[in-house]
Amino acid sequence: MAIRADRQGPHRTAFDKARRVLLKTQGVCGICGKPVNKKLKPPDPLAPVVDHIIPVNKGGHPSDIANLQLAHATCNRQKSDKMFNNKKKENKVLGNRNLPQSLDWASYGS
C-alpha cells in the first residue's frame, strides 16, 4: 500500500504548514458546520482534523490550502473519500416572485 502524498515527500511540509494555518484561522467544521473544540485530542471523535475537500484519490491536491478545511474527526471519517457539497441551494428569483421549488422553473423559456 502506497503512502499518501500528504504524509511523505515534498507535500508533507506544505500540508503541515497549511494545517497550522487552518487550526489558527478556522473554528467551524467544514462538513457539519458546528464549532470545533481545538483543545480536544485524538482519539476523541470531535477532535480537530484537516479534511481534503476534494479527496487526494479523486484528484484533489494533497497540500494546497484551498483544498483543505478544518473538520471533526468523526465527520471526516464519515465523509471518507466521498465528494461532499455542503452549500445550500439558493432560491433563484425569477421575475418578481419566488416560484415553487417543486419544479426546475429556470429550464422553462421566458
N, C-alpha and C. Protein backbone atom coordinates (compact mmCIF):
# COMPACT_ATOMS: atom_id res chain seq x y z
N MET A 1 0.85 -1.18 0.00
CA MET A 1 0.00 0.00 0.00
C MET A 1 0.89 1.24 0.00
N ALA A 2 0.63 2.14 -0.92
CA ALA A 2 1.44 3.35 -1.05
C ALA A 2 1.04 4.37 0.01
N ILE A 3 2.01 5.13 0.47
CA ILE A 3 1.75 6.19 1.45
C ILE A 3 1.28 7.43 0.68
N ARG A 4 0.24 8.08 1.21
CA ARG A 4 -0.33 9.25 0.54
C ARG A 4 0.68 10.39 0.45
N ALA A 5 0.50 11.23 -0.56
CA ALA A 5 1.43 12.33 -0.82
C ALA A 5 1.48 13.36 0.31
N ASP A 6 0.37 13.52 1.05
CA ASP A 6 0.39 14.50 2.14
C ASP A 6 1.08 13.95 3.39
N ARG A 7 1.49 12.69 3.35
CA ARG A 7 2.14 12.09 4.51
C ARG A 7 3.63 11.83 4.27
N GLN A 8 4.11 12.15 3.10
CA GLN A 8 5.52 11.94 2.78
C GLN A 8 5.97 12.94 1.72
N GLY A 9 7.24 13.03 1.51
CA GLY A 9 7.81 13.83 0.43
C GLY A 9 7.57 15.32 0.55
N PRO A 10 7.64 16.01 -0.59
CA PRO A 10 7.58 17.48 -0.59
C PRO A 10 6.24 18.05 -0.11
N HIS A 11 5.16 17.29 -0.24
CA HIS A 11 3.85 17.80 0.18
C HIS A 11 3.69 17.79 1.70
N ARG A 12 4.48 16.97 2.39
CA ARG A 12 4.33 16.86 3.84
C ARG A 12 4.56 18.19 4.55
N THR A 13 5.61 18.90 4.19
CA THR A 13 5.92 20.19 4.81
C THR A 13 4.82 21.21 4.52
N ALA A 14 4.37 21.26 3.26
CA ALA A 14 3.31 22.21 2.88
C ALA A 14 2.00 21.86 3.60
N PHE A 15 1.70 20.57 3.73
CA PHE A 15 0.48 20.14 4.43
C PHE A 15 0.54 20.55 5.89
N ASP A 16 1.68 20.33 6.55
CA ASP A 16 1.83 20.70 7.96
C ASP A 16 1.68 22.20 8.16
N LYS A 17 2.23 22.99 7.24
CA LYS A 17 2.11 24.45 7.32
C LYS A 17 0.64 24.86 7.16
N ALA A 18 -0.03 24.29 6.17
CA ALA A 18 -1.44 24.60 5.94
C ALA A 18 -2.29 24.16 7.14
N ARG A 19 -1.95 23.04 7.75
CA ARG A 19 -2.66 22.55 8.92
C ARG A 19 -2.56 23.56 10.07
N ARG A 20 -1.38 24.08 10.30
CA ARG A 20 -1.19 25.07 11.36
C ARG A 20 -2.02 26.34 11.08
N VAL A 21 -2.04 26.77 9.82
CA VAL A 21 -2.83 27.96 9.44
C VAL A 21 -4.32 27.69 9.67
N LEU A 22 -4.81 26.53 9.26
CA LEU A 22 -6.23 26.21 9.43
C LEU A 22 -6.61 26.16 10.91
N LEU A 23 -5.75 25.58 11.73
CA LEU A 23 -6.05 25.49 13.16
C LEU A 23 -6.09 26.88 13.81
N LYS A 24 -5.34 27.82 13.27
CA LYS A 24 -5.34 29.18 13.81
C LYS A 24 -6.50 30.01 13.29
N THR A 25 -6.90 29.78 12.04
CA THR A 25 -7.86 30.69 11.39
C THR A 25 -9.28 30.16 11.29
N GLN A 26 -9.49 28.86 11.36
CA GLN A 26 -10.84 28.31 11.24
C GLN A 26 -11.31 27.76 12.57
N GLY A 27 -12.60 27.82 12.82
CA GLY A 27 -13.14 27.32 14.07
C GLY A 27 -14.41 26.52 13.91
N VAL A 28 -14.81 26.30 12.66
CA VAL A 28 -16.06 25.60 12.38
C VAL A 28 -15.76 24.42 11.46
N CYS A 29 -16.42 23.30 11.72
CA CYS A 29 -16.25 22.11 10.88
C CYS A 29 -16.76 22.41 9.47
N GLY A 30 -15.93 22.15 8.48
CA GLY A 30 -16.31 22.40 7.09
C GLY A 30 -17.33 21.40 6.57
N ILE A 31 -17.59 20.33 7.34
CA ILE A 31 -18.53 19.30 6.90
C ILE A 31 -19.90 19.49 7.56
N CYS A 32 -19.93 19.60 8.90
CA CYS A 32 -21.22 19.70 9.59
C CYS A 32 -21.59 21.14 9.95
N GLY A 33 -20.61 22.06 9.94
CA GLY A 33 -20.89 23.46 10.22
C GLY A 33 -20.94 23.82 11.70
N LYS A 34 -20.61 22.87 12.59
CA LYS A 34 -20.62 23.13 14.03
C LYS A 34 -19.23 23.52 14.50
N PRO A 35 -19.13 24.24 15.64
CA PRO A 35 -17.82 24.65 16.15
C PRO A 35 -16.92 23.46 16.46
N VAL A 36 -15.61 23.66 16.28
CA VAL A 36 -14.61 22.64 16.56
C VAL A 36 -13.84 23.08 17.80
N ASN A 37 -13.78 22.20 18.80
CA ASN A 37 -13.00 22.48 20.01
C ASN A 37 -11.56 22.04 19.76
N LYS A 38 -10.67 23.02 19.58
CA LYS A 38 -9.29 22.72 19.23
C LYS A 38 -8.47 22.16 20.38
N LYS A 39 -9.04 22.14 21.59
CA LYS A 39 -8.34 21.59 22.75
C LYS A 39 -8.46 20.07 22.82
N LEU A 40 -9.43 19.51 22.08
CA LEU A 40 -9.61 18.06 22.10
C LEU A 40 -8.49 17.38 21.31
N LYS A 41 -8.12 16.20 21.74
CA LYS A 41 -7.05 15.43 21.09
C LYS A 41 -7.59 14.06 20.69
N PRO A 42 -7.00 13.45 19.65
CA PRO A 42 -7.40 12.09 19.29
C PRO A 42 -7.16 11.17 20.49
N PRO A 43 -7.95 10.19 20.72
CA PRO A 43 -8.97 9.60 19.85
C PRO A 43 -10.37 10.17 20.02
N ASP A 44 -10.52 11.34 20.64
CA ASP A 44 -11.83 11.96 20.80
C ASP A 44 -12.47 12.14 19.42
N PRO A 45 -13.72 11.70 19.23
CA PRO A 45 -14.35 11.79 17.91
C PRO A 45 -14.59 13.23 17.44
N LEU A 46 -14.55 14.20 18.36
CA LEU A 46 -14.75 15.59 17.97
C LEU A 46 -13.44 16.36 17.88
N ALA A 47 -12.32 15.64 17.94
CA ALA A 47 -11.00 16.27 17.82
C ALA A 47 -10.86 16.91 16.44
N PRO A 48 -10.13 18.03 16.35
CA PRO A 48 -9.96 18.69 15.05
C PRO A 48 -9.00 17.91 14.14
N VAL A 49 -9.38 17.80 12.89
CA VAL A 49 -8.52 17.21 11.86
C VAL A 49 -8.61 18.07 10.61
N VAL A 50 -7.70 17.84 9.69
CA VAL A 50 -7.73 18.54 8.41
C VAL A 50 -8.32 17.60 7.37
N ASP A 51 -9.33 18.08 6.67
CA ASP A 51 -10.03 17.29 5.66
C ASP A 51 -9.67 17.82 4.28
N HIS A 52 -9.48 16.90 3.34
CA HIS A 52 -9.30 17.29 1.93
C HIS A 52 -10.70 17.45 1.34
N ILE A 53 -11.01 18.64 0.87
CA ILE A 53 -12.33 18.92 0.28
C ILE A 53 -12.54 18.00 -0.92
N ILE A 54 -11.59 17.98 -1.84
CA ILE A 54 -11.59 17.00 -2.92
C ILE A 54 -10.56 15.95 -2.52
N PRO A 55 -11.00 14.72 -2.25
CA PRO A 55 -10.07 13.69 -1.78
C PRO A 55 -8.87 13.51 -2.70
N VAL A 56 -7.72 13.21 -2.11
CA VAL A 56 -6.48 13.01 -2.86
C VAL A 56 -6.67 11.93 -3.93
N ASN A 57 -7.37 10.83 -3.56
CA ASN A 57 -7.54 9.75 -4.54
C ASN A 57 -8.55 10.09 -5.63
N LYS A 58 -9.21 11.26 -5.54
CA LYS A 58 -10.12 11.71 -6.60
C LYS A 58 -9.52 12.89 -7.36
N GLY A 59 -8.22 13.13 -7.15
CA GLY A 59 -7.52 14.18 -7.89
C GLY A 59 -7.31 15.46 -7.13
N GLY A 60 -7.70 15.51 -5.86
CA GLY A 60 -7.51 16.72 -5.06
C GLY A 60 -6.04 16.91 -4.71
N HIS A 61 -5.63 18.16 -4.61
CA HIS A 61 -4.24 18.47 -4.28
C HIS A 61 -3.97 18.11 -2.83
N PRO A 62 -2.87 17.40 -2.54
CA PRO A 62 -2.62 16.93 -1.18
C PRO A 62 -2.25 18.00 -0.17
N SER A 63 -1.75 19.17 -0.62
CA SER A 63 -1.30 20.15 0.37
C SER A 63 -1.74 21.59 0.09
N ASP A 64 -2.50 21.82 -0.96
CA ASP A 64 -2.98 23.17 -1.28
C ASP A 64 -4.02 23.59 -0.25
N ILE A 65 -3.82 24.72 0.40
CA ILE A 65 -4.73 25.16 1.46
C ILE A 65 -6.15 25.38 0.93
N ALA A 66 -6.29 25.65 -0.35
CA ALA A 66 -7.63 25.82 -0.94
C ALA A 66 -8.39 24.50 -0.98
N ASN A 67 -7.69 23.37 -0.85
CA ASN A 67 -8.33 22.06 -0.87
C ASN A 67 -8.42 21.47 0.54
N LEU A 68 -8.13 22.27 1.56
CA LEU A 68 -8.15 21.76 2.93
C LEU A 68 -9.14 22.56 3.76
N GLN A 69 -9.75 21.88 4.75
CA GLN A 69 -10.67 22.53 5.66
C GLN A 69 -10.59 21.84 7.02
N LEU A 70 -10.93 22.57 8.05
CA LEU A 70 -10.98 22.02 9.39
C LEU A 70 -12.24 21.18 9.52
N ALA A 71 -12.15 20.06 10.24
CA ALA A 71 -13.31 19.19 10.42
C ALA A 71 -13.18 18.43 11.73
N HIS A 72 -14.31 17.90 12.22
CA HIS A 72 -14.29 16.97 13.34
C HIS A 72 -13.77 15.63 12.82
N ALA A 73 -13.08 14.89 13.65
CA ALA A 73 -12.57 13.58 13.24
C ALA A 73 -13.71 12.67 12.79
N THR A 74 -14.82 12.67 13.52
CA THR A 74 -15.93 11.80 13.16
C THR A 74 -16.59 12.21 11.85
N CYS A 75 -16.70 13.52 11.60
CA CYS A 75 -17.27 13.99 10.33
C CYS A 75 -16.37 13.58 9.17
N ASN A 76 -15.07 13.75 9.36
CA ASN A 76 -14.11 13.40 8.32
C ASN A 76 -14.15 11.89 8.05
N ARG A 77 -14.28 11.09 9.09
CA ARG A 77 -14.35 9.63 8.94
C ARG A 77 -15.60 9.23 8.16
N GLN A 78 -16.72 9.87 8.48
CA GLN A 78 -17.97 9.55 7.78
C GLN A 78 -17.93 9.99 6.32
N LYS A 79 -17.30 11.12 6.07
CA LYS A 79 -17.17 11.61 4.69
C LYS A 79 -16.28 10.69 3.89
N SER A 80 -15.22 10.19 4.53
CA SER A 80 -14.27 9.27 3.90
C SER A 80 -13.72 9.91 2.63
N ASP A 81 -13.78 9.20 1.51
CA ASP A 81 -13.24 9.74 0.26
C ASP A 81 -14.36 10.16 -0.69
N LYS A 82 -15.52 10.50 -0.12
CA LYS A 82 -16.65 10.94 -0.95
C LYS A 82 -16.52 12.43 -1.26
N MET A 83 -17.08 12.81 -2.36
CA MET A 83 -17.19 14.23 -2.69
C MET A 83 -18.39 14.75 -1.90
N PHE A 84 -18.24 15.91 -1.31
CA PHE A 84 -19.28 16.43 -0.43
C PHE A 84 -19.48 17.89 -0.74
N ASN A 85 -20.74 18.28 -0.90
CA ASN A 85 -21.06 19.68 -1.16
C ASN A 85 -22.04 20.14 -0.11
N ASN A 86 -21.58 20.98 0.81
CA ASN A 86 -22.46 21.44 1.89
C ASN A 86 -23.08 22.80 1.59
N LYS A 87 -22.95 23.28 0.38
CA LYS A 87 -23.53 24.57 0.04
C LYS A 87 -25.03 24.40 -0.20
N LYS A 88 -25.78 25.25 0.46
CA LYS A 88 -27.23 25.19 0.32
C LYS A 88 -27.64 25.78 -1.02
N LYS A 89 -28.65 25.18 -1.61
CA LYS A 89 -29.17 25.67 -2.88
C LYS A 89 -29.93 26.96 -2.63
N GLU A 90 -29.55 27.99 -3.33
CA GLU A 90 -30.20 29.27 -3.16
C GLU A 90 -31.48 29.32 -4.00
N ASN A 91 -32.50 29.96 -3.43
CA ASN A 91 -33.71 30.17 -4.21
C ASN A 91 -33.42 31.25 -5.23
N LYS A 92 -33.64 30.94 -6.47
CA LYS A 92 -33.38 31.90 -7.53
C LYS A 92 -34.65 32.70 -7.78
N VAL A 93 -34.53 34.02 -7.82
CA VAL A 93 -35.68 34.87 -8.06
C VAL A 93 -35.84 35.02 -9.56
N LEU A 94 -36.99 34.62 -10.06
CA LEU A 94 -37.31 34.75 -11.48
C LEU A 94 -38.47 35.73 -11.59
N GLY A 95 -38.27 36.78 -12.30
CA GLY A 95 -39.30 37.81 -12.38
C GLY A 95 -39.39 38.53 -11.04
N ASN A 96 -40.62 38.76 -10.56
CA ASN A 96 -40.81 39.47 -9.30
C ASN A 96 -41.28 38.56 -8.18
N ARG A 97 -41.19 37.25 -8.36
CA ARG A 97 -41.69 36.37 -7.31
C ARG A 97 -40.85 35.09 -7.25
N ASN A 98 -40.85 34.45 -6.12
CA ASN A 98 -40.22 33.14 -5.99
C ASN A 98 -41.21 32.09 -6.44
N LEU A 99 -40.82 31.30 -7.40
CA LEU A 99 -41.69 30.24 -7.89
C LEU A 99 -41.55 29.02 -6.99
N PRO A 100 -42.55 28.17 -6.93
CA PRO A 100 -42.44 26.96 -6.12
C PRO A 100 -41.23 26.14 -6.54
N GLN A 101 -40.55 25.56 -5.56
CA GLN A 101 -39.32 24.83 -5.84
C GLN A 101 -39.56 23.37 -6.22
N SER A 102 -40.82 22.98 -6.45
CA SER A 102 -41.11 21.60 -6.81
C SER A 102 -40.71 21.28 -8.25
N LEU A 103 -40.50 22.29 -9.07
CA LEU A 103 -40.06 22.09 -10.45
C LEU A 103 -38.87 22.99 -10.73
N ASP A 104 -38.08 22.63 -11.71
CA ASP A 104 -36.96 23.47 -12.12
C ASP A 104 -37.48 24.48 -13.12
N TRP A 105 -38.02 25.58 -12.62
CA TRP A 105 -38.65 26.59 -13.46
C TRP A 105 -37.66 27.33 -14.34
N ALA A 106 -36.38 27.31 -13.98
CA ALA A 106 -35.39 28.02 -14.78
C ALA A 106 -35.23 27.40 -16.16
N SER A 107 -35.61 26.13 -16.32
CA SER A 107 -35.46 25.49 -17.62
C SER A 107 -36.57 25.89 -18.60
N TYR A 108 -37.63 26.54 -18.10
CA TYR A 108 -38.70 27.00 -18.97
C TYR A 108 -38.34 28.34 -19.59
N GLY A 109 -38.70 28.54 -20.83
CA GLY A 109 -38.39 29.78 -21.54
C GLY A 109 -39.09 30.99 -20.92
N SER A 110 -38.52 32.17 -21.13
CA SER A 110 -39.14 33.37 -20.56
C SER A 110 -40.08 34.01 -21.53
